[in-house]
PDB file of N, CA and C in Angstrom:
ATOM      1  N   MET A   1     -35.436  20.557  65.324  1.00  0.00           N
ATOM      2  CA  MET A   1     -34.082  20.950  65.592  1.00  0.00           C
ATOM      3  C   MET A   1     -33.229  19.706  65.746  1.00  0.00           C
ATOM      4  N   ARG A   2     -31.935  19.888  65.769  1.00  0.00           N
ATOM      5  CA  ARG A   2     -30.973  18.797  65.946  1.00  0.00           C
ATOM      6  C   ARG A   2     -30.391  18.842  67.356  1.00  0.00           C
ATOM      7  N   CYS A   3     -30.164  17.667  67.915  1.00  0.00           N
ATOM      8  CA  CYS A   3     -29.518  17.554  69.215  1.00  0.00           C
ATOM      9  C   CYS A   3     -28.102  18.119  69.112  1.00  0.00           C
ATOM     10  N   LEU A   4     -27.688  18.864  70.119  1.00  0.00           N
ATOM     11  CA  LEU A   4     -26.353  19.456  70.129  1.00  0.00           C
ATOM     12  C   LEU A   4     -25.272  18.408  70.377  1.00  0.00           C
ATOM     13  N   ILE A   5     -25.654  17.234  70.862  1.00  0.00           N
ATOM     14  CA  ILE A   5     -24.696  16.177  71.156  1.00  0.00           C
ATOM     15  C   ILE A   5     -24.581  15.196  69.990  1.00  0.00           C
ATOM     16  N   CYS A   6     -25.672  14.504  69.663  1.00  0.00           N
ATOM     17  CA  CYS A   6     -25.624  13.438  68.645  1.00  0.00           C
ATOM     18  C   CYS A   6     -26.066  13.898  67.258  1.00  0.00           C
ATOM     19  N   HIS A   7     -26.621  15.085  67.165  1.00  0.00           N
ATOM     20  CA  HIS A   7     -27.159  15.672  65.932  1.00  0.00           C
ATOM     21  C   HIS A   7     -28.394  14.937  65.420  1.00  0.00           C
ATOM     22  N   GLY A   8     -29.000  14.109  66.282  1.00  0.00           N
ATOM     23  CA  GLY A   8     -30.256  13.458  65.939  1.00  0.00           C
ATOM     24  C   GLY A   8     -31.421  14.423  66.124  1.00  0.00           C
ATOM     25  N   GLU A   9     -32.616  13.952  65.833  1.00  0.00           N
ATOM     26  CA  GLU A   9     -33.820  14.768  65.988  1.00  0.00           C
ATOM     27  C   GLU A   9     -34.027  15.093  67.467  1.00  0.00           C
ATOM     28  N   ALA A  10     -34.328  16.348  67.756  1.00  0.00           N
ATOM     29  CA  ALA A  10     -34.513  16.790  69.139  1.00  0.00           C
ATOM     30  C   ALA A  10     -35.567  17.884  69.198  1.00  0.00           C
ATOM     31  N   THR A  11     -35.985  18.192  70.410  1.00  0.00           N
ATOM     32  CA  THR A  11     -36.961  19.250  70.643  1.00  0.00           C
ATOM     33  C   THR A  11     -36.347  20.285  71.568  1.00  0.00           C
ATOM     34  N   HIS A  12     -36.539  21.537  71.218  1.00  0.00           N
ATOM     35  CA  HIS A  12     -36.091  22.663  72.039  1.00  0.00           C
ATOM     36  C   HIS A  12     -37.192  22.909  73.058  1.00  0.00           C
ATOM     37  N   ILE A  13     -36.935  22.632  74.342  1.00  0.00           N
ATOM     38  CA  ILE A  13     -37.982  22.753  75.356  1.00  0.00           C
ATOM     39  C   ILE A  13     -37.755  23.948  76.285  1.00  0.00           C
ATOM     40  N   THR A  14     -36.977  24.920  75.835  1.00  0.00           N
ATOM     41  CA  THR A  14     -36.663  26.086  76.663  1.00  0.00           C
ATOM     42  C   THR A  14     -37.904  26.842  77.150  1.00  0.00           C
ATOM     43  N   PRO A  15     -38.927  27.073  76.327  1.00  0.00           N
ATOM     44  CA  PRO A  15     -40.084  27.800  76.863  1.00  0.00           C
ATOM     45  C   PRO A  15     -40.667  27.107  78.089  1.00  0.00           C
ATOM     46  N   GLU A  16     -40.548  25.791  78.130  1.00  0.00           N
ATOM     47  CA  GLU A  16     -41.075  25.004  79.236  1.00  0.00           C
ATOM     48  C   GLU A  16     -40.124  25.026  80.439  1.00  0.00           C
ATOM     49  N   ARG A  17     -38.794  25.007  80.175  1.00  0.00           N
ATOM     50  CA  ARG A  17     -37.840  24.795  81.252  1.00  0.00           C
ATOM     51  C   ARG A  17     -36.634  25.719  81.254  1.00  0.00           C
ATOM     52  N   GLY A  18     -36.363  26.422  80.188  1.00  0.00           N
ATOM     53  CA  GLY A  18     -35.104  27.157  80.061  1.00  0.00           C
ATOM     54  C   GLY A  18     -35.011  28.429  80.876  1.00  0.00           C
ATOM     55  N   GLY A  19     -33.840  29.028  80.795  1.00  0.00           N
ATOM     56  CA  GLY A  19     -33.576  30.270  81.505  1.00  0.00           C
ATOM     57  C   GLY A  19     -33.032  31.313  80.548  1.00  0.00           C
ATOM     58  N   PRO A  20     -32.591  32.449  81.066  1.00  0.00           N
ATOM     59  CA  PRO A  20     -32.139  33.545  80.217  1.00  0.00           C
ATOM     60  C   PRO A  20     -30.820  33.268  79.481  1.00  0.00           C
ATOM     61  N   ASP A  21     -29.965  32.423  80.033  1.00  0.00           N
ATOM     62  CA  ASP A  21     -28.665  32.188  79.394  1.00  0.00           C
ATOM     63  C   ASP A  21     -28.390  30.713  79.150  1.00  0.00           C
ATOM     64  N   TRP A  22     -29.444  29.910  79.114  1.00  0.00           N
ATOM     65  CA  TRP A  22     -29.301  28.496  78.818  1.00  0.00           C
ATOM     66  C   TRP A  22     -30.567  27.979  78.151  1.00  0.00           C
ATOM     67  N   VAL A  23     -30.420  26.844  77.478  1.00  0.00           N
ATOM     68  CA  VAL A  23     -31.549  26.226  76.786  1.00  0.00           C
ATOM     69  C   VAL A  23     -31.691  24.782  77.259  1.00  0.00           C
ATOM     70  N   SER A  24     -32.882  24.255  77.091  1.00  0.00           N
ATOM     71  CA  SER A  24     -33.168  22.862  77.407  1.00  0.00           C
ATOM     72  C   SER A  24     -33.467  22.114  76.122  1.00  0.00           C
ATOM     73  N   ILE A  25     -32.885  20.930  76.013  1.00  0.00           N
ATOM     74  CA  ILE A  25     -33.024  20.099  74.825  1.00  0.00           C
ATOM     75  C   ILE A  25     -33.599  18.747  75.235  1.00  0.00           C
ATOM     76  N   ARG A  26     -34.489  18.209  74.428  1.00  0.00           N
ATOM     77  CA  ARG A  26     -35.024  16.863  74.620  1.00  0.00           C
ATOM     78  C   ARG A  26     -34.665  16.032  73.395  1.00  0.00           C
ATOM     79  N   CYS A  27     -33.877  14.986  73.616  1.00  0.00           N
ATOM     80  CA  CYS A  27     -33.434  14.095  72.544  1.00  0.00           C
ATOM     81  C   CYS A  27     -33.771  12.661  72.949  1.00  0.00           C
ATOM     82  N   GLY A  28     -34.289  11.889  72.017  1.00  0.00           N
ATOM     83  CA  GLY A  28     -34.614  10.495  72.313  1.00  0.00           C
ATOM     84  C   GLY A  28     -33.397   9.673  72.687  1.00  0.00           C
ATOM     85  N   ALA A  29     -32.261   9.967  72.089  1.00  0.00           N
ATOM     86  CA  ALA A  29     -31.036   9.213  72.369  1.00  0.00           C
ATOM     87  C   ALA A  29     -30.279   9.765  73.573  1.00  0.00           C
ATOM     88  N   CYS A  30     -30.161  11.077  73.681  1.00  0.00           N
ATOM     89  CA  CYS A  30     -29.352  11.711  74.735  1.00  0.00           C
ATOM     90  C   CYS A  30     -30.173  12.095  75.960  1.00  0.00           C
ATOM     91  N   GLU A  31     -31.477  12.005  75.856  1.00  0.00           N
ATOM     92  CA  GLU A  31     -32.412  12.382  76.906  1.00  0.00           C
ATOM     93  C   GLU A  31     -32.438  13.901  77.086  1.00  0.00           C
ATOM     94  N   ASP A  32     -33.063  14.368  78.152  1.00  0.00           N
ATOM     95  CA  ASP A  32     -33.183  15.804  78.399  1.00  0.00           C
ATOM     96  C   ASP A  32     -31.898  16.335  79.024  1.00  0.00           C
ATOM     97  N   TYR A  33     -31.488  17.501  78.584  1.00  0.00           N
ATOM     98  CA  TYR A  33     -30.329  18.166  79.182  1.00  0.00           C
ATOM     99  C   TYR A  33     -30.439  19.661  78.937  1.00  0.00           C
ATOM    100  N   ASP A  34     -29.752  20.414  79.779  1.00  0.00           N
ATOM    101  CA  ASP A  34     -29.648  21.861  79.626  1.00  0.00           C
ATOM    102  C   ASP A  34     -28.234  22.169  79.158  1.00  0.00           C
ATOM    103  N   VAL A  35     -28.073  23.298  78.497  1.00  0.00           N
ATOM    104  CA  VAL A  35     -26.742  23.719  78.049  1.00  0.00           C
ATOM    105  C   VAL A  35     -26.680  25.243  78.055  1.00  0.00           C
ATOM    106  N   THR A  36     -25.581  25.784  78.582  1.00  0.00           N
ATOM    107  CA  THR A  36     -25.428  27.237  78.612  1.00  0.00           C
ATOM    108  C   THR A  36     -25.079  27.743  77.218  1.00  0.00           C
ATOM    109  N   GLU A  37     -25.363  29.018  76.988  1.00  0.00           N
ATOM    110  CA  GLU A  37     -25.047  29.635  75.691  1.00  0.00           C
ATOM    111  C   GLU A  37     -23.548  29.554  75.401  1.00  0.00           C
ATOM    112  N   THR A  38     -22.713  29.757  76.407  1.00  0.00           N
ATOM    113  CA  THR A  38     -21.265  29.673  76.223  1.00  0.00           C
ATOM    114  C   THR A  38     -20.857  28.263  75.827  1.00  0.00           C
ATOM    115  N   ALA A  39     -21.433  27.270  76.482  1.00  0.00           N
ATOM    116  CA  ALA A  39     -21.096  25.883  76.163  1.00  0.00           C
ATOM    117  C   ALA A  39     -21.560  25.491  74.760  1.00  0.00           C
ATOM    118  N   ILE A  40     -22.671  26.048  74.300  1.00  0.00           N
ATOM    119  CA  ILE A  40     -23.148  25.744  72.941  1.00  0.00           C
ATOM    120  C   ILE A  40     -22.072  26.110  71.927  1.00  0.00           C
ATOM    121  N   ARG A  41     -21.500  27.288  72.071  1.00  0.00           N
ATOM    122  CA  ARG A  41     -20.456  27.715  71.124  1.00  0.00           C
ATOM    123  C   ARG A  41     -19.258  26.767  71.164  1.00  0.00           C
ATOM    124  N   ARG A  42     -18.882  26.336  72.360  1.00  0.00           N
ATOM    125  CA  ARG A  42     -17.725  25.446  72.486  1.00  0.00           C
ATOM    126  C   ARG A  42     -18.039  24.030  72.021  1.00  0.00           C
ATOM    127  N   LEU A  43     -19.283  23.568  72.196  1.00  0.00           N
ATOM    128  CA  LEU A  43     -19.667  22.228  71.742  1.00  0.00           C
ATOM    129  C   LEU A  43     -19.504  22.086  70.234  1.00  0.00           C
ATOM    130  N   LYS A  44     -19.751  23.159  69.507  1.00  0.00           N
ATOM    131  CA  LYS A  44     -19.672  23.115  68.052  1.00  0.00           C
ATOM    132  C   LYS A  44     -18.273  22.778  67.552  1.00  0.00           C
ATOM    133  N   ALA A  45     -17.252  23.023  68.378  1.00  0.00           N
ATOM    134  CA  ALA A  45     -15.866  22.730  67.987  1.00  0.00           C
ATOM    135  C   ALA A  45     -15.457  21.298  68.319  1.00  0.00           C
ATOM    136  N   LEU A  46     -16.327  20.558  69.016  1.00  0.00           N
ATOM    137  CA  LEU A  46     -15.988  19.205  69.429  1.00  0.00           C
ATOM    138  C   LEU A  46     -16.527  18.158  68.468  1.00  0.00           C
ATOM    139  N   ASP A  47     -15.839  17.025  68.398  1.00  0.00           N
ATOM    140  CA  ASP A  47     -16.359  15.898  67.638  1.00  0.00           C
ATOM    141  C   ASP A  47     -17.394  15.171  68.503  1.00  0.00           C
ATOM    142  N   LEU A  48     -17.998  14.117  67.954  1.00  0.00           N
ATOM    143  CA  LEU A  48     -19.062  13.400  68.649  1.00  0.00           C
ATOM    144  C   LEU A  48     -18.596  12.880  70.008  1.00  0.00           C
ATOM    145  N   ASP A  49     -17.413  12.294  70.072  1.00  0.00           N
ATOM    146  CA  ASP A  49     -16.913  11.773  71.348  1.00  0.00           C
ATOM    147  C   ASP A  49     -16.741  12.888  72.377  1.00  0.00           C
ATOM    148  N   GLY A  50     -16.235  14.025  71.949  1.00  0.00           N
ATOM    149  CA  GLY A  50     -16.066  15.162  72.857  1.00  0.00           C
ATOM    150  C   GLY A  50     -17.390  15.673  73.376  1.00  0.00           C
ATOM    151  N   ARG A  51     -18.411  15.722  72.504  1.00  0.00           N
ATOM    152  CA  ARG A  51     -19.740  16.172  72.925  1.00  0.00           C
ATOM    153  C   ARG A  51     -20.367  15.177  73.889  1.00  0.00           C
ATOM    154  N   ARG A  52     -20.208  13.888  73.608  1.00  0.00           N
ATOM    155  CA  ARG A  52     -20.746  12.857  74.514  1.00  0.00           C
ATOM    156  C   ARG A  52     -20.046  12.906  75.871  1.00  0.00           C
ATOM    157  N   ASP A  53     -18.748  13.129  75.864  1.00  0.00           N
ATOM    158  CA  ASP A  53     -18.002  13.256  77.117  1.00  0.00           C
ATOM    159  C   ASP A  53     -18.536  14.423  77.946  1.00  0.00           C
ATOM    160  N   ALA A  54     -18.818  15.535  77.288  1.00  0.00           N
ATOM    161  CA  ALA A  54     -19.343  16.703  77.994  1.00  0.00           C
ATOM    162  C   ALA A  54     -20.686  16.386  78.646  1.00  0.00           C
ATOM    163  N   LEU A  55     -21.550  15.674  77.919  1.00  0.00           N
ATOM    164  CA  LEU A  55     -22.850  15.305  78.477  1.00  0.00           C
ATOM    165  C   LEU A  55     -22.674  14.351  79.656  1.00  0.00           C
ATOM    166  N   GLN A  56     -21.764  13.398  79.540  1.00  0.00           N
ATOM    167  CA  GLN A  56     -21.525  12.468  80.645  1.00  0.00           C
ATOM    168  C   GLN A  56     -21.006  13.202  81.887  1.00  0.00           C
ATOM    169  N   LYS A  57     -20.130  14.181  81.690  1.00  0.00           N
ATOM    170  CA  LYS A  57     -19.642  14.973  82.819  1.00  0.00           C
ATOM    171  C   LYS A  57     -20.797  15.732  83.461  1.00  0.00           C
ATOM    172  N   ALA A  58     -21.665  16.317  82.635  1.00  0.00           N
ATOM    173  CA  ALA A  58     -22.814  17.050  83.172  1.00  0.00           C
ATOM    174  C   ALA A  58     -23.711  16.112  83.982  1.00  0.00           C
ATOM    175  N   LYS A  59     -23.918  14.909  83.493  1.00  0.00           N
ATOM    176  CA  LYS A  59     -24.730  13.936  84.233  1.00  0.00           C
ATOM    177  C   LYS A  59     -24.063  13.579  85.554  1.00  0.00           C
ATOM    178  N   GLY A  60     -22.737  13.491  85.542  1.00  0.00           N
ATOM    179  CA  GLY A  60     -22.008  13.189  86.767  1.00  0.00           C
ATOM    180  C   GLY A  60     -22.079  14.315  87.793  1.00  0.00           C
ATOM    181  N   PHE A  61     -22.131  15.560  87.319  1.00  0.00           N
ATOM    182  CA  PHE A  61     -22.213  16.722  88.207  1.00  0.00           C
ATOM    183  C   PHE A  61     -23.621  16.930  88.763  1.00  0.00           C
ATOM    184  N   ALA A  62     -24.633  16.434  88.046  1.00  0.00           N
ATOM    185  CA  ALA A  62     -26.030  16.688  88.421  1.00  0.00           C
ATOM    186  C   ALA A  62     -26.425  15.910  89.680  1.00  0.00           C
ATOM    187  N   ARG A  63     -27.184  16.558  90.524  1.00  0.00           N
ATOM    188  CA  ARG A  63     -27.747  15.879  91.690  1.00  0.00           C
ATOM    189  C   ARG A  63     -28.821  14.909  91.209  1.00  0.00           C
ATOM    190  N   PRO A  64     -29.079  13.846  91.974  1.00  0.00           N
ATOM    191  CA  PRO A  64     -30.134  12.903  91.597  1.00  0.00           C
ATOM    192  C   PRO A  64     -31.462  13.622  91.375  1.00  0.00           C
ATOM    193  N   GLY A  65     -32.114  13.301  90.296  1.00  0.00           N
ATOM    194  CA  GLY A  65     -33.407  13.889  89.983  1.00  0.00           C
ATOM    195  C   GLY A  65     -33.346  15.257  89.326  1.00  0.00           C
ATOM    196  N   VAL A  66     -32.135  15.775  89.103  1.00  0.00           N
ATOM    197  CA  VAL A  66     -31.976  17.099  88.482  1.00  0.00           C
ATOM    198  C   VAL A  66     -31.439  16.917  87.064  1.00  0.00           C
ATOM    199  N   GLN A  67     -32.045  17.618  86.139  1.00  0.00           N
ATOM    200  CA  GLN A  67     -31.620  17.543  84.741  1.00  0.00           C
ATOM    201  C   GLN A  67     -30.176  18.028  84.611  1.00  0.00           C
ATOM    202  N   PRO A  68     -29.325  17.285  83.896  1.00  0.00           N
ATOM    203  CA  PRO A  68     -27.930  17.719  83.750  1.00  0.00           C
ATOM    204  C   PRO A  68     -27.816  19.005  82.937  1.00  0.00           C
ATOM    205  N   MET A  69     -26.821  19.838  83.299  1.00  0.00           N
ATOM    206  CA  MET A  69     -26.553  21.064  82.563  1.00  0.00           C
ATOM    207  C   MET A  69     -25.111  21.057  82.086  1.00  0.00           C
ATOM    208  N   ILE A  70     -24.942  21.178  80.767  1.00  0.00           N
ATOM    209  CA  ILE A  70     -23.606  21.270  80.192  1.00  0.00           C
ATOM    210  C   ILE A  70     -23.142  22.719  80.320  1.00  0.00           C
ATOM    211  N   THR A  71     -22.040  22.901  81.026  1.00  0.00           N
ATOM    212  CA  THR A  71     -21.434  24.223  81.196  1.00  0.00           C
ATOM    213  C   THR A  71     -20.000  24.141  80.688  1.00  0.00           C
ATOM    214  N   SER A  72     -19.298  25.232  80.724  1.00  0.00           N
ATOM    215  CA  SER A  72     -17.890  25.237  80.308  1.00  0.00           C
ATOM    216  C   SER A  72     -17.062  24.264  81.133  1.00  0.00           C
ATOM    217  N   ALA A  73     -17.452  24.032  82.381  1.00  0.00           N
ATOM    218  CA  ALA A  73     -16.727  23.096  83.248  1.00  0.00           C
ATOM    219  C   ALA A  73     -16.791  21.662  82.719  1.00  0.00           C
ATOM    220  N   CYS A  74     -17.777  21.368  81.880  1.00  0.00           N
ATOM    221  CA  CYS A  74     -17.929  20.019  81.316  1.00  0.00           C
ATOM    222  C   CYS A  74     -17.095  19.822  80.058  1.00  0.00           C
ATOM    223  N   LEU A  75     -16.497  20.881  79.554  1.00  0.00           N
ATOM    224  CA  LEU A  75     -15.774  20.831  78.289  1.00  0.00           C
ATOM    225  C   LEU A  75     -14.273  20.847  78.552  1.00  0.00           C
ATOM    226  N   VAL A  76     -13.586  19.879  77.994  1.00  0.00           N
ATOM    227  CA  VAL A  76     -12.138  19.789  78.187  1.00  0.00           C
ATOM    228  C   VAL A  76     -11.458  20.328  76.947  1.00  0.00           C
ATOM    229  N   THR A  77     -10.668  21.376  77.095  1.00  0.00           N
ATOM    230  CA  THR A  77      -9.969  21.986  75.986  1.00  0.00           C
ATOM    231  C   THR A  77      -8.924  21.032  75.445  1.00  0.00           C
ATOM    232  N   GLY A  78      -8.886  20.903  74.117  1.00  0.00           N
ATOM    233  CA  GLY A  78      -7.856  20.103  73.464  1.00  0.00           C
ATOM    234  C   GLY A  78      -8.230  18.658  73.233  1.00  0.00           C
ATOM    235  N   GLU A  79      -9.306  18.163  73.842  1.00  0.00           N
ATOM    236  CA  GLU A  79      -9.715  16.792  73.611  1.00  0.00           C
ATOM    237  C   GLU A  79     -11.008  16.795  72.810  1.00  0.00           C
ATOM    238  N   GLY A  80     -11.101  15.871  71.874  1.00  0.00           N
ATOM    239  CA  GLY A  80     -12.314  15.734  71.098  1.00  0.00           C
ATOM    240  C   GLY A  80     -12.565  16.857  70.126  1.00  0.00           C
ATOM    241  N   THR A  81     -11.551  17.629  69.814  1.00  0.00           N
ATOM    242  CA  THR A  81     -11.765  18.708  68.864  1.00  0.00           C
ATOM    243  C   THR A  81     -11.681  18.183  67.458  1.00  0.00           C
ATOM    244  N   SER A  82     -12.408  18.778  66.591  1.00  0.00           N
ATOM    245  CA  SER A  82     -12.326  18.405  65.180  1.00  0.00           C
ATOM    246  C   SER A  82     -11.465  19.447  64.481  1.00  0.00           C
ATOM    247  N   GLU A  83     -10.356  19.015  63.960  1.00  0.00           N
ATOM    248  CA  GLU A  83      -9.433  19.959  63.322  1.00  0.00           C
ATOM    249  C   GLU A  83      -9.221  19.609  61.891  1.00  0.00           C
TER     250      GLU A  83
END
């Protein structure tokens, strides 16, 4: 599979870690992160910088030692969109 952030090679690790409305991704460049189904749809509308910003926000929201989760709160409307 492809990473939702950088589009590099990634592994879908949801069976190991995911939940009913979110998935877990393992990417060599972006590291491990979770993303909600709603955020996945919105990430697709963002350019690379917008997707990276969302991941950085998720990392900032995460408690130490907890895998970051990209949610709608990590996505800024109107910035980083590809039009």
